[in-house]
Each structure stands twice: as C-alpha cells, then as structure tokens.
C-alpha cells in the first residue's frame, strides 16, 4: 500500500462531496501567507509528504497559528522536524487549513479480506488510541445504520449537547458516513481511509485531516 498525496485526496473527497476544511497544498511560505490573508487566521499547517504518514508523531503539524510571524515559525519548524525524522524526506508541499472549533471525531474505513470495507466512527484526535470509543459496520451502510453508529459510542451524550455545552452536528456526521460507504464500495483500490480529526460543532462537520491508503 502507498499513501495518496494530499492533492489527490482532496479531489477524491470533493468528488463525493465530503466536507473538507478550507485548505490548500502550498509549494512555499508565500503561498501559505496568501491563503491566510484570503481566508483569515487562525490556521493549521501540516506537511504533505509520502514519507510521513503520522504527522503529529514527528512534529509535522502546527495548529492555532494566529499571524504571519507564527506562520513562518511553524513552516520552518515543520521542515526541520521532518528532516530530523528522515534527512532526505520527499515533500509535495505544505497543507494549510482554516481552523475550526468543535468536537474531535473520527470516521474511517479499512478493507477487510473477508468482509470488504468496514466503516468506523468514534471519538478522534490524539485520544483515539486511549479511549478506543468506536463503532463499526460493514459497508454498504444505510442511513439508519449510520445513525446507529453515531449513537453506539459511549460519548454520544456529549455529542447531543451535555449540561448546556454545544453538541455536534449529527446529521452531517451521518452524511459523511454514508458518503464514505459509497466511496469505499466504488473504489476497490482504496484500502484504508482515516478522517481524524473531523471537527463537528452545532453548525457543521468538516474533515481536518484525511489519510488515504491505496494499493
């Protein structure tokens, strides 16, 4: 398997109308600055490299960037961290995104040799391995099954809005699950998909980080 580059990943998601955070793969710092001026701060930046799959593990993701000075520090810092990880790493560019607030969730797919595509939903972000609060269903899934997946996780009460806190946008999460199911059924070369995190607030859900593995 190999990691699909960010440009191709974004095109694949757009084809299925899967909501992505406003983003662009930039070839240099000046392009990153231009994006920030057009879309506003805060932004997040992360490396786009076939050599670096788990970006946060090597310091290749910077969030909460509020001005051009911090953007320059983040840009140079990420490249420095990637060189420490692999001196001759290959770089497609730097992915810059508009940053959103909300609940950190994950949606994913893994193609099983026996069952085919298995869709996953759960709590995302850096706590995913710690909490392991996920639900799974074999694709293709129906709208009813997608709703069940959301409700099955232990933290569902928080997504509904717990003790006055704003909840997640359940309808858009269900929509993402259905679109991922369709994508998985129609693209046999796609072996794994990881949307982590998805940021979901009371207004919408958007994918912030997408990793697609193909054969």
N, C-alpha and C. Protein backbone atom coordinates (compact mmCIF):
# COMPACT_ATOMS: atom_id res chain seq x y z
N UNK A 1 0.83 -1.20 0.00
CA UNK A 1 0.00 0.00 0.00
C UNK A 1 0.86 1.25 0.00
N UNK A 2 0.32 2.33 -0.54
CA UNK A 2 1.03 3.60 -0.52
C UNK A 2 0.07 4.72 -0.13
N UNK A 3 0.63 5.78 0.41
CA UNK A 3 -0.15 6.93 0.85
C UNK A 3 -0.51 7.81 -0.34
N UNK A 4 -1.79 8.12 -0.48
CA UNK A 4 -2.23 9.02 -1.54
C UNK A 4 -1.85 10.46 -1.17
N UNK A 5 -1.31 11.21 -2.14
CA UNK A 5 -0.89 12.58 -1.84
C UNK A 5 -2.10 13.46 -1.53
N UNK A 6 -1.85 14.60 -0.88
CA UNK A 6 -2.94 15.45 -0.40
C UNK A 6 -3.80 16.02 -1.52
N UNK A 7 -3.20 16.43 -2.61
CA UNK A 7 -3.99 16.97 -3.73
C UNK A 7 -4.99 15.94 -4.25
N UNK A 8 -4.52 14.71 -4.45
CA UNK A 8 -5.39 13.64 -4.94
C UNK A 8 -6.45 13.27 -3.90
N UNK A 9 -6.07 13.32 -2.62
CA UNK A 9 -7.01 13.04 -1.54
C UNK A 9 -8.13 14.08 -1.53
N UNK A 10 -7.77 15.34 -1.65
CA UNK A 10 -8.76 16.41 -1.65
C UNK A 10 -9.72 16.27 -2.84
N UNK A 11 -9.17 15.91 -4.01
CA UNK A 11 -10.01 15.72 -5.20
C UNK A 11 -10.99 14.56 -5.02
N UNK A 12 -10.52 13.48 -4.38
CA UNK A 12 -11.37 12.32 -4.14
C UNK A 12 -12.52 12.67 -3.20
N UNK A 13 -12.21 13.41 -2.14
CA UNK A 13 -13.25 13.81 -1.19
C UNK A 13 -14.25 14.77 -1.82
N UNK A 14 -13.75 15.68 -2.63
CA UNK A 14 -14.64 16.64 -3.30
C UNK A 14 -15.58 15.94 -4.29
N UNK A 15 -15.07 14.89 -4.93
CA UNK A 15 -15.89 14.12 -5.87
C UNK A 15 -17.13 13.56 -5.19
N UNK A 16 -16.97 13.15 -3.93
CA UNK A 16 -18.09 12.57 -3.18
C UNK A 16 -18.76 13.60 -2.25
N UNK A 17 -18.40 14.87 -2.45
CA UNK A 17 -18.98 15.98 -1.68
C UNK A 17 -18.83 15.76 -0.18
N UNK A 18 -17.68 15.23 0.21
CA UNK A 18 -17.36 15.07 1.63
C UNK A 18 -16.75 16.40 2.11
N UNK A 19 -17.32 17.00 3.15
CA UNK A 19 -16.90 18.35 3.56
C UNK A 19 -15.49 18.39 4.14
N UNK A 20 -14.67 19.23 3.56
CA UNK A 20 -13.28 19.38 3.99
C UNK A 20 -13.06 20.80 4.49
N UNK A 21 -12.23 20.94 5.50
CA UNK A 21 -11.86 22.28 5.95
C UNK A 21 -11.22 23.04 4.79
N UNK A 22 -11.49 24.34 4.68
CA UNK A 22 -10.88 25.16 3.64
C UNK A 22 -9.37 24.95 3.69
N UNK A 23 -8.80 24.52 2.58
CA UNK A 23 -7.39 24.14 2.61
C UNK A 23 -6.75 24.25 1.24
N UNK A 24 -5.42 24.24 1.25
CA UNK A 24 -4.66 24.28 0.01
C UNK A 24 -3.27 23.69 0.26
N UNK A 25 -2.79 22.93 -0.70
CA UNK A 25 -1.40 22.46 -0.65
C UNK A 25 -0.53 23.54 -1.27
N UNK A 26 0.31 24.16 -0.45
CA UNK A 26 1.16 25.27 -0.89
C UNK A 26 2.59 24.79 -1.16
N UNK A 27 3.20 25.36 -2.19
CA UNK A 27 4.56 24.97 -2.56
C UNK A 27 5.63 25.74 -1.79
N UNK A 28 5.24 26.85 -1.17
CA UNK A 28 6.22 27.65 -0.43
C UNK A 28 5.51 28.50 0.62
N UNK A 29 6.31 29.21 1.42
CA UNK A 29 5.78 30.03 2.50
C UNK A 29 4.90 31.16 1.99
N UNK A 30 5.27 31.76 0.86
CA UNK A 30 4.50 32.87 0.32
C UNK A 30 3.07 32.45 -0.04
N UNK A 31 2.92 31.24 -0.57
CA UNK A 31 1.58 30.73 -0.89
C UNK A 31 0.77 30.52 0.39
N UNK A 32 1.44 30.06 1.45
CA UNK A 32 0.78 29.88 2.74
C UNK A 32 0.28 31.22 3.28
N UNK A 33 1.11 32.25 3.16
CA UNK A 33 0.73 33.59 3.61
C UNK A 33 -0.48 34.11 2.82
N UNK A 34 -0.46 33.88 1.53
CA UNK A 34 -1.56 34.34 0.67
C UNK A 34 -2.88 33.68 1.07
N UNK A 35 -2.83 32.37 1.34
CA UNK A 35 -4.03 31.64 1.76
C UNK A 35 -4.58 32.23 3.06
N UNK A 36 -3.68 32.51 4.01
CA UNK A 36 -4.08 33.05 5.31
C UNK A 36 -4.73 34.42 5.18
N UNK A 37 -4.20 35.24 4.30
CA UNK A 37 -4.77 36.57 4.07
C UNK A 37 -6.17 36.47 3.47
N UNK A 38 -6.35 35.51 2.57
CA UNK A 38 -7.64 35.36 1.88
C UNK A 38 -8.71 34.74 2.78
N UNK A 39 -8.30 33.81 3.65
CA UNK A 39 -9.27 33.05 4.45
C UNK A 39 -9.28 33.41 5.93
N UNK A 40 -8.25 34.14 6.38
CA UNK A 40 -8.21 34.58 7.77
C UNK A 40 -7.57 33.57 8.71
N UNK A 41 -7.01 34.10 9.80
CA UNK A 41 -6.49 33.27 10.87
C UNK A 41 -7.64 32.95 11.85
N UNK A 42 -7.51 31.89 12.71
CA UNK A 42 -6.35 31.01 12.83
C UNK A 42 -6.32 29.94 11.74
N UNK A 43 -5.11 29.41 11.50
CA UNK A 43 -4.93 28.33 10.54
C UNK A 43 -4.09 27.22 11.18
N UNK A 44 -4.12 26.08 10.53
CA UNK A 44 -3.25 24.96 10.88
C UNK A 44 -2.41 24.61 9.66
N UNK A 45 -1.17 24.18 9.89
CA UNK A 45 -0.32 23.75 8.78
C UNK A 45 0.24 22.36 9.07
N UNK A 46 0.41 21.58 8.03
CA UNK A 46 0.94 20.22 8.18
C UNK A 46 1.65 19.83 6.90
N UNK A 47 2.63 18.97 7.05
CA UNK A 47 3.43 18.54 5.91
C UNK A 47 2.62 17.64 4.98
N UNK A 48 2.87 17.71 3.71
CA UNK A 48 2.33 16.77 2.73
C UNK A 48 3.51 16.01 2.16
N UNK A 49 3.73 14.80 2.69
CA UNK A 49 4.89 14.01 2.31
C UNK A 49 4.54 12.53 2.30
N UNK A 50 4.94 11.79 1.26
CA UNK A 50 4.71 10.35 1.23
C UNK A 50 5.54 9.59 2.27
N UNK A 51 6.57 10.26 2.80
CA UNK A 51 7.44 9.62 3.80
C UNK A 51 6.94 9.76 5.22
N UNK A 52 5.93 10.61 5.41
CA UNK A 52 5.45 10.88 6.78
C UNK A 52 3.95 10.66 6.84
N UNK A 53 3.55 9.52 7.39
CA UNK A 53 2.15 9.14 7.48
C UNK A 53 1.51 9.72 8.74
N UNK A 54 2.16 9.52 9.88
CA UNK A 54 1.64 10.02 11.16
C UNK A 54 2.32 11.34 11.50
N UNK A 55 1.75 12.40 10.97
CA UNK A 55 2.39 13.72 11.02
C UNK A 55 2.62 14.24 12.43
N UNK A 56 1.63 14.06 13.30
CA UNK A 56 1.74 14.63 14.64
C UNK A 56 2.85 13.96 15.45
N UNK A 57 3.17 12.71 15.14
CA UNK A 57 4.21 11.98 15.87
C UNK A 57 5.60 12.56 15.66
N UNK A 58 5.80 13.24 14.54
CA UNK A 58 7.14 13.78 14.24
C UNK A 58 7.17 15.31 14.28
N UNK A 59 6.08 15.90 14.79
CA UNK A 59 6.05 17.36 14.88
C UNK A 59 5.82 18.04 13.54
N UNK A 60 5.06 17.37 12.67
CA UNK A 60 4.81 17.91 11.33
C UNK A 60 3.44 18.55 11.20
N UNK A 61 2.83 18.87 12.35
CA UNK A 61 1.54 19.56 12.39
C UNK A 61 1.63 20.71 13.39
N UNK A 62 1.19 21.87 12.99
CA UNK A 62 1.13 23.02 13.90
C UNK A 62 -0.26 23.63 13.80
N UNK A 63 -0.90 23.86 14.95
CA UNK A 63 -2.25 24.43 14.96
C UNK A 63 -2.27 25.74 15.75
N UNK A 64 -3.38 26.45 15.64
CA UNK A 64 -3.54 27.68 16.40
C UNK A 64 -2.62 28.80 15.97
N UNK A 65 -2.34 28.88 14.68
CA UNK A 65 -1.45 29.92 14.15
C UNK A 65 -2.29 31.17 13.87
N UNK A 66 -1.92 32.27 14.53
CA UNK A 66 -2.77 33.46 14.51
C UNK A 66 -2.21 34.66 13.74
N UNK A 67 -0.97 34.55 13.23
CA UNK A 67 -0.39 35.68 12.49
C UNK A 67 0.74 35.17 11.59
N UNK A 68 1.25 36.05 10.74
CA UNK A 68 2.27 35.66 9.76
C UNK A 68 3.60 35.29 10.41
N UNK A 69 3.93 35.92 11.53
CA UNK A 69 5.18 35.59 12.23
C UNK A 69 5.15 34.15 12.72
N UNK A 70 4.01 33.77 13.34
CA UNK A 70 3.86 32.39 13.82
C UNK A 70 3.79 31.41 12.66
N UNK A 71 3.22 31.86 11.54
CA UNK A 71 3.12 31.00 10.35
C UNK A 71 4.52 30.66 9.83
N UNK A 72 5.40 31.66 9.78
CA UNK A 72 6.77 31.42 9.32
C UNK A 72 7.50 30.46 10.26
N UNK A 73 7.33 30.64 11.57
CA UNK A 73 7.96 29.76 12.56
C UNK A 73 7.46 28.32 12.40
N UNK A 74 6.14 28.19 12.20
CA UNK A 74 5.55 26.86 12.03
C UNK A 74 6.07 26.19 10.77
N UNK A 75 6.13 26.93 9.68
CA UNK A 75 6.58 26.40 8.38
C UNK A 75 8.01 25.87 8.48
N UNK A 76 8.91 26.70 9.00
CA UNK A 76 10.31 26.29 9.10
C UNK A 76 10.51 25.20 10.15
N UNK A 77 9.69 25.27 11.22
CA UNK A 77 9.80 24.26 12.28
C UNK A 77 9.38 22.89 11.80
N UNK A 78 8.32 22.82 11.01
CA UNK A 78 7.84 21.54 10.48
C UNK A 78 8.89 20.91 9.57
N UNK A 79 9.47 21.71 8.68
CA UNK A 79 10.51 21.19 7.78
C UNK A 79 11.70 20.67 8.57
N UNK A 80 12.10 21.41 9.61
CA UNK A 80 13.21 20.99 10.47
C UNK A 80 12.91 19.66 11.16
N UNK A 81 11.69 19.52 11.68
CA UNK A 81 11.30 18.28 12.36
C UNK A 81 11.26 17.09 11.40
N UNK A 82 10.81 17.33 10.18
CA UNK A 82 10.76 16.27 9.18
C UNK A 82 12.16 15.81 8.78
N UNK A 83 13.10 16.74 8.70
CA UNK A 83 14.49 16.39 8.37
C UNK A 83 15.13 15.56 9.49
N UNK A 84 14.72 15.83 10.73
CA UNK A 84 15.22 15.03 11.85
C UNK A 84 14.69 13.60 11.77
N UNK A 85 13.44 13.48 11.32
CA UNK A 85 12.82 12.17 11.18
C UNK A 85 13.42 11.39 10.02
N UNK A 86 13.58 12.08 8.88
CA UNK A 86 14.18 11.49 7.69
C UNK A 86 14.88 12.59 6.90
N UNK A 87 16.19 12.53 6.90
CA UNK A 87 17.01 13.62 6.34
C UNK A 87 16.64 13.96 4.90
N UNK A 88 16.39 12.95 4.08
CA UNK A 88 16.10 13.18 2.66
C UNK A 88 14.62 12.96 2.35
N UNK A 89 13.73 13.38 3.27
CA UNK A 89 12.30 13.16 3.07
C UNK A 89 11.81 13.91 1.82
N UNK A 90 10.80 13.33 1.18
CA UNK A 90 10.21 13.93 -0.02
C UNK A 90 9.03 14.81 0.40
N UNK A 91 8.94 16.01 -0.18
CA UNK A 91 7.90 16.97 0.20
C UNK A 91 7.08 17.40 -1.01
N UNK A 92 5.77 17.12 -0.97
CA UNK A 92 4.88 17.59 -2.03
C UNK A 92 4.51 19.06 -1.83
N UNK A 93 4.50 19.47 -0.59
CA UNK A 93 4.14 20.84 -0.25
C UNK A 93 3.72 20.92 1.20
N UNK A 94 3.13 22.03 1.59
CA UNK A 94 2.63 22.23 2.94
C UNK A 94 1.12 22.46 2.87
N UNK A 95 0.37 21.64 3.58
CA UNK A 95 -1.07 21.79 3.59
C UNK A 95 -1.45 22.82 4.65
N UNK A 96 -2.15 23.86 4.23
CA UNK A 96 -2.61 24.89 5.17
C UNK A 96 -4.12 24.88 5.19
N UNK A 97 -4.71 25.01 6.39
CA UNK A 97 -6.15 24.89 6.55
C UNK A 97 -6.71 25.97 7.47
N UNK A 98 -7.91 26.38 7.17
CA UNK A 98 -8.68 27.20 8.09
C UNK A 98 -8.98 26.34 9.32
N UNK A 99 -8.84 26.91 10.52
CA UNK A 99 -9.04 26.14 11.74
C UNK A 99 -10.44 26.34 12.30
N UNK A 100 -11.06 25.26 12.80
CA UNK A 100 -12.41 25.28 13.32
C UNK A 100 -12.44 24.75 14.75
N UNK A 101 -13.44 25.19 15.52
CA UNK A 101 -13.65 24.69 16.88
C UNK A 101 -14.81 23.71 16.89
N UNK A 102 -14.73 22.71 17.79
CA UNK A 102 -15.81 21.74 17.92
C UNK A 102 -15.31 20.44 18.53
N UNK A 103 -16.11 19.40 18.41
CA UNK A 103 -15.77 18.08 18.93
C UNK A 103 -14.83 17.36 17.97
N UNK A 104 -13.82 16.70 18.51
CA UNK A 104 -12.88 15.91 17.70
C UNK A 104 -13.41 14.49 17.53
N UNK A 105 -13.68 14.15 16.28
CA UNK A 105 -14.23 12.82 15.98
C UNK A 105 -13.43 12.17 14.87
N UNK A 106 -13.71 10.90 14.63
CA UNK A 106 -13.05 10.20 13.53
C UNK A 106 -14.07 9.38 12.76
N UNK A 107 -13.82 9.28 11.47
CA UNK A 107 -14.54 8.37 10.59
C UNK A 107 -13.48 7.69 9.74
N UNK A 108 -13.60 6.39 9.55
CA UNK A 108 -12.59 5.69 8.77
C UNK A 108 -13.13 4.46 8.08
N UNK A 109 -12.28 3.85 7.29
CA UNK A 109 -12.61 2.62 6.59
C UNK A 109 -11.36 1.77 6.46
N UNK A 110 -11.53 0.47 6.68
CA UNK A 110 -10.46 -0.48 6.43
C UNK A 110 -11.05 -1.63 5.62
N UNK A 111 -10.38 -1.97 4.52
CA UNK A 111 -10.88 -3.03 3.64
C UNK A 111 -10.41 -4.38 4.16
N UNK A 112 -11.36 -5.16 4.65
CA UNK A 112 -11.07 -6.48 5.20
C UNK A 112 -11.09 -7.52 4.08
N UNK A 113 -10.16 -8.48 4.16
CA UNK A 113 -10.04 -9.50 3.11
C UNK A 113 -11.30 -10.36 3.01
N UNK A 114 -12.00 -10.55 4.12
CA UNK A 114 -13.20 -11.39 4.14
C UNK A 114 -14.48 -10.59 3.97
N UNK A 115 -14.61 -9.50 4.73
CA UNK A 115 -15.88 -8.75 4.79
C UNK A 115 -15.94 -7.55 3.84
N UNK A 116 -14.82 -7.16 3.29
CA UNK A 116 -14.81 -5.97 2.45
C UNK A 116 -14.64 -4.72 3.30
N UNK A 117 -15.13 -3.57 2.82
CA UNK A 117 -14.94 -2.32 3.56
C UNK A 117 -15.69 -2.31 4.90
N UNK A 118 -14.97 -1.99 5.97
CA UNK A 118 -15.57 -1.85 7.31
C UNK A 118 -15.49 -0.38 7.69
N UNK A 119 -16.63 0.23 7.97
CA UNK A 119 -16.71 1.65 8.31
C UNK A 119 -16.60 1.81 9.82
N UNK A 120 -15.85 2.83 10.24
CA UNK A 120 -15.60 3.08 11.67
C UNK A 120 -16.01 4.51 12.01
N UNK A 121 -16.60 4.68 13.20
CA UNK A 121 -16.93 6.02 13.73
C UNK A 121 -16.57 6.06 15.20
N UNK A 122 -16.06 7.21 15.66
CA UNK A 122 -15.76 7.30 17.09
C UNK A 122 -15.16 8.64 17.48
N UNK A 123 -14.68 8.68 18.71
CA UNK A 123 -14.01 9.86 19.24
C UNK A 123 -12.62 9.92 18.61
N UNK A 124 -12.24 11.10 18.13
CA UNK A 124 -10.98 11.23 17.41
C UNK A 124 -9.95 12.07 18.13
N UNK A 125 -9.07 12.68 17.35
CA UNK A 125 -7.98 13.46 17.93
C UNK A 125 -6.88 12.57 18.47
N UNK A 126 -6.07 13.12 19.37
CA UNK A 126 -4.93 12.37 19.90
C UNK A 126 -5.35 11.32 20.92
N UNK A 127 -6.62 11.36 21.39
CA UNK A 127 -7.07 10.41 22.42
C UNK A 127 -7.68 9.14 21.84
N UNK A 128 -7.68 9.01 20.51
CA UNK A 128 -8.35 7.88 19.87
C UNK A 128 -7.83 6.53 20.37
N UNK A 129 -6.52 6.37 20.50
CA UNK A 129 -5.94 5.11 20.96
C UNK A 129 -6.22 4.87 22.44
N UNK A 130 -6.30 5.97 23.19
CA UNK A 130 -6.52 5.86 24.64
C UNK A 130 -7.96 5.47 24.95
N UNK A 131 -8.91 6.15 24.33
CA UNK A 131 -10.33 5.92 24.64
C UNK A 131 -10.90 4.71 23.93
N UNK A 132 -10.50 4.50 22.69
CA UNK A 132 -10.98 3.38 21.87
C UNK A 132 -12.51 3.31 21.88
N UNK A 133 -13.14 4.48 21.77
CA UNK A 133 -14.60 4.58 21.78
C UNK A 133 -15.08 4.66 20.33
N UNK A 134 -15.29 3.48 19.72
CA UNK A 134 -15.66 3.44 18.30
C UNK A 134 -16.80 2.45 18.05
N UNK A 135 -17.47 2.63 16.92
CA UNK A 135 -18.46 1.67 16.44
C UNK A 135 -18.07 1.28 15.02
N UNK A 136 -18.49 0.09 14.61
CA UNK A 136 -18.11 -0.43 13.28
C UNK A 136 -19.29 -1.08 12.59
N UNK A 137 -19.34 -0.93 11.27
CA UNK A 137 -20.33 -1.64 10.47
C UNK A 137 -19.74 -1.94 9.09
N UNK A 138 -20.18 -3.04 8.49
CA UNK A 138 -19.70 -3.45 7.17
C UNK A 138 -20.46 -2.68 6.10
N UNK A 139 -19.73 -2.10 5.15
CA UNK A 139 -20.34 -1.37 4.04
C UNK A 139 -20.94 -2.36 3.03
N UNK A 140 -22.00 -1.93 2.30
CA UNK A 140 -22.61 -0.61 2.34
C UNK A 140 -23.53 -0.44 3.54
N UNK A 141 -23.61 0.77 4.06
CA UNK A 141 -24.48 1.04 5.20
C UNK A 141 -25.65 1.92 4.77
N UNK A 142 -26.77 1.79 5.49
CA UNK A 142 -27.95 2.60 5.25
C UNK A 142 -27.93 3.83 6.17
N UNK A 143 -28.84 4.75 5.94
CA UNK A 143 -28.94 5.93 6.80
C UNK A 143 -29.25 5.53 8.24
N UNK A 144 -30.11 4.53 8.40
CA UNK A 144 -30.45 4.04 9.74
C UNK A 144 -29.21 3.48 10.44
N UNK A 145 -28.41 2.70 9.70
CA UNK A 145 -27.19 2.14 10.28
C UNK A 145 -26.17 3.22 10.63
N UNK A 146 -26.09 4.25 9.79
CA UNK A 146 -25.17 5.35 10.07
C UNK A 146 -25.57 6.07 11.35
N UNK A 147 -26.87 6.28 11.55
CA UNK A 147 -27.35 6.91 12.78
C UNK A 147 -27.04 6.02 13.99
N UNK A 148 -27.19 4.72 13.81
CA UNK A 148 -26.89 3.77 14.89
C UNK A 148 -25.42 3.85 15.28
N UNK A 149 -24.54 3.98 14.28
CA UNK A 149 -23.10 4.06 14.54
C UNK A 149 -22.77 5.26 15.44
N UNK A 150 -23.41 6.39 15.15
CA UNK A 150 -23.17 7.60 15.95
C UNK A 150 -23.66 7.40 17.38
N UNK A 151 -24.84 6.78 17.52
CA UNK A 151 -25.45 6.61 18.84
C UNK A 151 -24.79 5.52 19.68
N UNK A 152 -24.07 4.61 19.03
CA UNK A 152 -23.49 3.47 19.74
C UNK A 152 -22.26 3.81 20.58
N UNK A 153 -21.58 4.91 20.28
CA UNK A 153 -20.37 5.20 21.05
C UNK A 153 -20.73 5.69 22.46
N UNK A 154 -19.83 5.47 23.41
CA UNK A 154 -20.09 5.80 24.82
C UNK A 154 -20.26 7.30 25.04
N UNK A 155 -19.62 8.12 24.20
CA UNK A 155 -19.63 9.57 24.38
C UNK A 155 -20.76 10.25 23.63
N UNK A 156 -21.75 9.48 23.22
CA UNK A 156 -22.83 10.07 22.41
C UNK A 156 -23.56 11.20 23.13
N UNK A 157 -23.75 11.09 24.43
CA UNK A 157 -24.43 12.14 25.20
C UNK A 157 -23.75 13.49 25.03
N UNK A 158 -22.42 13.48 24.95
CA UNK A 158 -21.67 14.73 24.75
C UNK A 158 -21.95 15.29 23.37
N UNK A 159 -22.08 14.41 22.38
CA UNK A 159 -22.37 14.86 21.02
C UNK A 159 -23.77 15.46 20.91
N UNK A 160 -24.67 15.00 21.76
CA UNK A 160 -26.03 15.56 21.79
C UNK A 160 -26.04 16.97 22.39
N UNK A 161 -25.04 17.26 23.22
CA UNK A 161 -25.01 18.52 23.95
C UNK A 161 -25.29 18.23 25.41
N UNK A 162 -24.22 18.19 26.21
CA UNK A 162 -24.33 17.74 27.61
C UNK A 162 -24.18 18.91 28.57
N UNK A 163 -25.16 19.06 29.46
CA UNK A 163 -25.14 20.09 30.50
C UNK A 163 -24.86 21.50 29.95
N UNK A 164 -25.61 21.82 28.92
CA UNK A 164 -25.51 23.17 28.38
C UNK A 164 -24.41 23.39 27.36
N UNK A 165 -23.51 22.41 27.20
CA UNK A 165 -22.44 22.53 26.20
C UNK A 165 -23.01 22.28 24.80
N UNK A 166 -22.41 22.93 23.82
CA UNK A 166 -22.88 22.74 22.44
C UNK A 166 -22.52 21.34 21.95
N UNK A 167 -23.44 20.74 21.24
CA UNK A 167 -23.23 19.40 20.74
C UNK A 167 -22.62 19.39 19.34
N UNK A 168 -22.60 18.21 18.75
CA UNK A 168 -22.09 18.05 17.38
C UNK A 168 -23.27 18.11 16.40
N UNK A 169 -22.93 18.23 15.12
CA UNK A 169 -23.96 18.28 14.07
C UNK A 169 -24.17 16.84 13.57
N UNK A 170 -25.14 16.16 14.18
CA UNK A 170 -25.34 14.73 13.95
C UNK A 170 -25.69 14.42 12.49
N UNK A 171 -26.56 15.23 11.90
CA UNK A 171 -26.98 14.97 10.51
C UNK A 171 -25.80 14.98 9.54
N UNK A 172 -24.87 15.92 9.73
CA UNK A 172 -23.72 15.99 8.82
C UNK A 172 -22.76 14.82 9.05
N UNK A 173 -22.69 14.33 10.29
CA UNK A 173 -21.86 13.15 10.57
C UNK A 173 -22.44 11.92 9.89
N UNK A 174 -23.75 11.78 9.95
CA UNK A 174 -24.42 10.67 9.26
C UNK A 174 -24.17 10.75 7.76
N UNK A 175 -24.24 11.96 7.22
CA UNK A 175 -23.99 12.16 5.79
C UNK A 175 -22.57 11.76 5.41
N UNK A 176 -21.59 12.11 6.23
CA UNK A 176 -20.20 11.75 5.96
C UNK A 176 -20.03 10.23 5.96
N UNK A 177 -20.66 9.56 6.91
CA UNK A 177 -20.58 8.09 6.98
C UNK A 177 -21.16 7.45 5.71
N UNK A 178 -22.28 7.96 5.24
CA UNK A 178 -22.92 7.41 4.03
C UNK A 178 -22.06 7.65 2.79
N UNK A 179 -21.48 8.83 2.69
CA UNK A 179 -20.63 9.15 1.55
C UNK A 179 -19.35 8.32 1.55
N UNK A 180 -18.80 8.09 2.74
CA UNK A 180 -17.60 7.24 2.84
C UNK A 180 -17.94 5.80 2.44
N UNK A 181 -19.10 5.33 2.84
CA UNK A 181 -19.55 3.99 2.47
C UNK A 181 -19.62 3.86 0.95
N UNK A 182 -20.20 4.87 0.29
CA UNK A 182 -20.31 4.85 -1.17
C UNK A 182 -18.93 4.89 -1.82
N UNK A 183 -18.06 5.77 -1.32
CA UNK A 183 -16.70 5.87 -1.84
C UNK A 183 -15.98 4.52 -1.75
N UNK A 184 -16.15 3.86 -0.61
CA UNK A 184 -15.48 2.58 -0.37
C UNK A 184 -15.96 1.49 -1.31
N UNK A 185 -17.25 1.49 -1.61
CA UNK A 185 -17.82 0.47 -2.49
C UNK A 185 -17.43 0.69 -3.95
N UNK A 186 -17.21 1.96 -4.32
CA UNK A 186 -16.94 2.28 -5.73
C UNK A 186 -15.46 2.37 -6.08
N UNK A 187 -14.59 2.27 -5.08
CA UNK A 187 -13.15 2.42 -5.33
C UNK A 187 -12.37 1.29 -4.65
N UNK A 188 -12.26 0.18 -5.36
CA UNK A 188 -11.66 -1.02 -4.77
C UNK A 188 -10.17 -0.87 -4.47
N UNK A 189 -9.50 0.08 -5.12
CA UNK A 189 -8.07 0.28 -4.87
C UNK A 189 -7.82 1.05 -3.57
N UNK A 190 -8.85 1.67 -3.04
CA UNK A 190 -8.72 2.37 -1.76
C UNK A 190 -8.81 1.33 -0.64
N UNK A 191 -7.71 1.17 0.10
CA UNK A 191 -7.63 0.12 1.11
C UNK A 191 -7.96 0.63 2.52
N UNK A 192 -7.54 1.85 2.80
CA UNK A 192 -7.80 2.43 4.12
C UNK A 192 -8.09 3.93 3.98
N UNK A 193 -8.97 4.41 4.81
CA UNK A 193 -9.25 5.85 4.89
C UNK A 193 -9.33 6.23 6.35
N UNK A 194 -8.72 7.35 6.68
CA UNK A 194 -8.73 7.82 8.06
C UNK A 194 -9.02 9.31 8.06
N UNK A 195 -10.22 9.69 8.49
CA UNK A 195 -10.56 11.10 8.69
C UNK A 195 -10.43 11.37 10.19
N UNK A 196 -9.30 11.90 10.61
CA UNK A 196 -9.06 12.12 12.03
C UNK A 196 -8.09 13.28 12.23
N UNK A 197 -8.60 14.41 12.76
CA UNK A 197 -9.97 14.53 13.27
C UNK A 197 -10.95 15.09 12.24
N UNK A 198 -12.22 14.81 12.54
CA UNK A 198 -13.32 15.58 11.98
C UNK A 198 -13.73 16.55 13.08
N UNK A 199 -13.86 17.82 12.77
CA UNK A 199 -14.34 18.78 13.75
C UNK A 199 -15.83 19.00 13.52
N UNK A 200 -16.61 18.72 14.55
CA UNK A 200 -18.06 18.86 14.44
C UNK A 200 -18.57 19.79 15.54
N UNK A 201 -19.25 20.86 15.14
CA UNK A 201 -19.89 21.75 16.10
C UNK A 201 -21.39 21.78 15.85
N UNK A 202 -22.10 22.70 16.45
CA UNK A 202 -23.56 22.70 16.32
C UNK A 202 -24.05 23.16 14.95
N UNK A 203 -23.11 23.62 14.11
CA UNK A 203 -23.49 24.13 12.78
C UNK A 203 -23.10 23.20 11.63
N UNK A 204 -21.96 22.51 11.76
CA UNK A 204 -21.48 21.67 10.66
C UNK A 204 -20.37 20.72 11.13
N UNK A 205 -19.97 19.83 10.24
CA UNK A 205 -18.83 18.93 10.47
C UNK A 205 -17.89 19.04 9.28
N UNK A 206 -16.60 19.18 9.56
CA UNK A 206 -15.62 19.25 8.47
C UNK A 206 -14.42 18.36 8.77
N UNK A 207 -13.88 17.77 7.72
CA UNK A 207 -12.69 16.93 7.86
C UNK A 207 -11.46 17.81 7.88
N UNK A 208 -10.66 17.64 8.91
CA UNK A 208 -9.45 18.44 9.08
C UNK A 208 -8.22 17.68 8.58
N UNK A 209 -8.19 16.39 8.83
CA UNK A 209 -7.05 15.59 8.35
C UNK A 209 -7.56 14.32 7.71
N UNK A 210 -7.11 14.05 6.49
CA UNK A 210 -7.55 12.87 5.75
C UNK A 210 -6.34 12.09 5.26
N UNK A 211 -6.34 10.80 5.58
CA UNK A 211 -5.26 9.91 5.12
C UNK A 211 -5.89 8.78 4.33
N UNK A 212 -5.44 8.61 3.08
CA UNK A 212 -5.98 7.58 2.21
C UNK A 212 -4.84 6.68 1.74
N UNK A 213 -5.00 5.38 1.96
CA UNK A 213 -4.01 4.40 1.52
C UNK A 213 -4.59 3.62 0.34
N UNK A 214 -3.80 3.49 -0.72
CA UNK A 214 -4.26 2.77 -1.91
C UNK A 214 -3.29 1.63 -2.24
N UNK A 215 -3.79 0.66 -3.02
CA UNK A 215 -2.89 -0.44 -3.41
C UNK A 215 -2.35 -0.21 -4.81
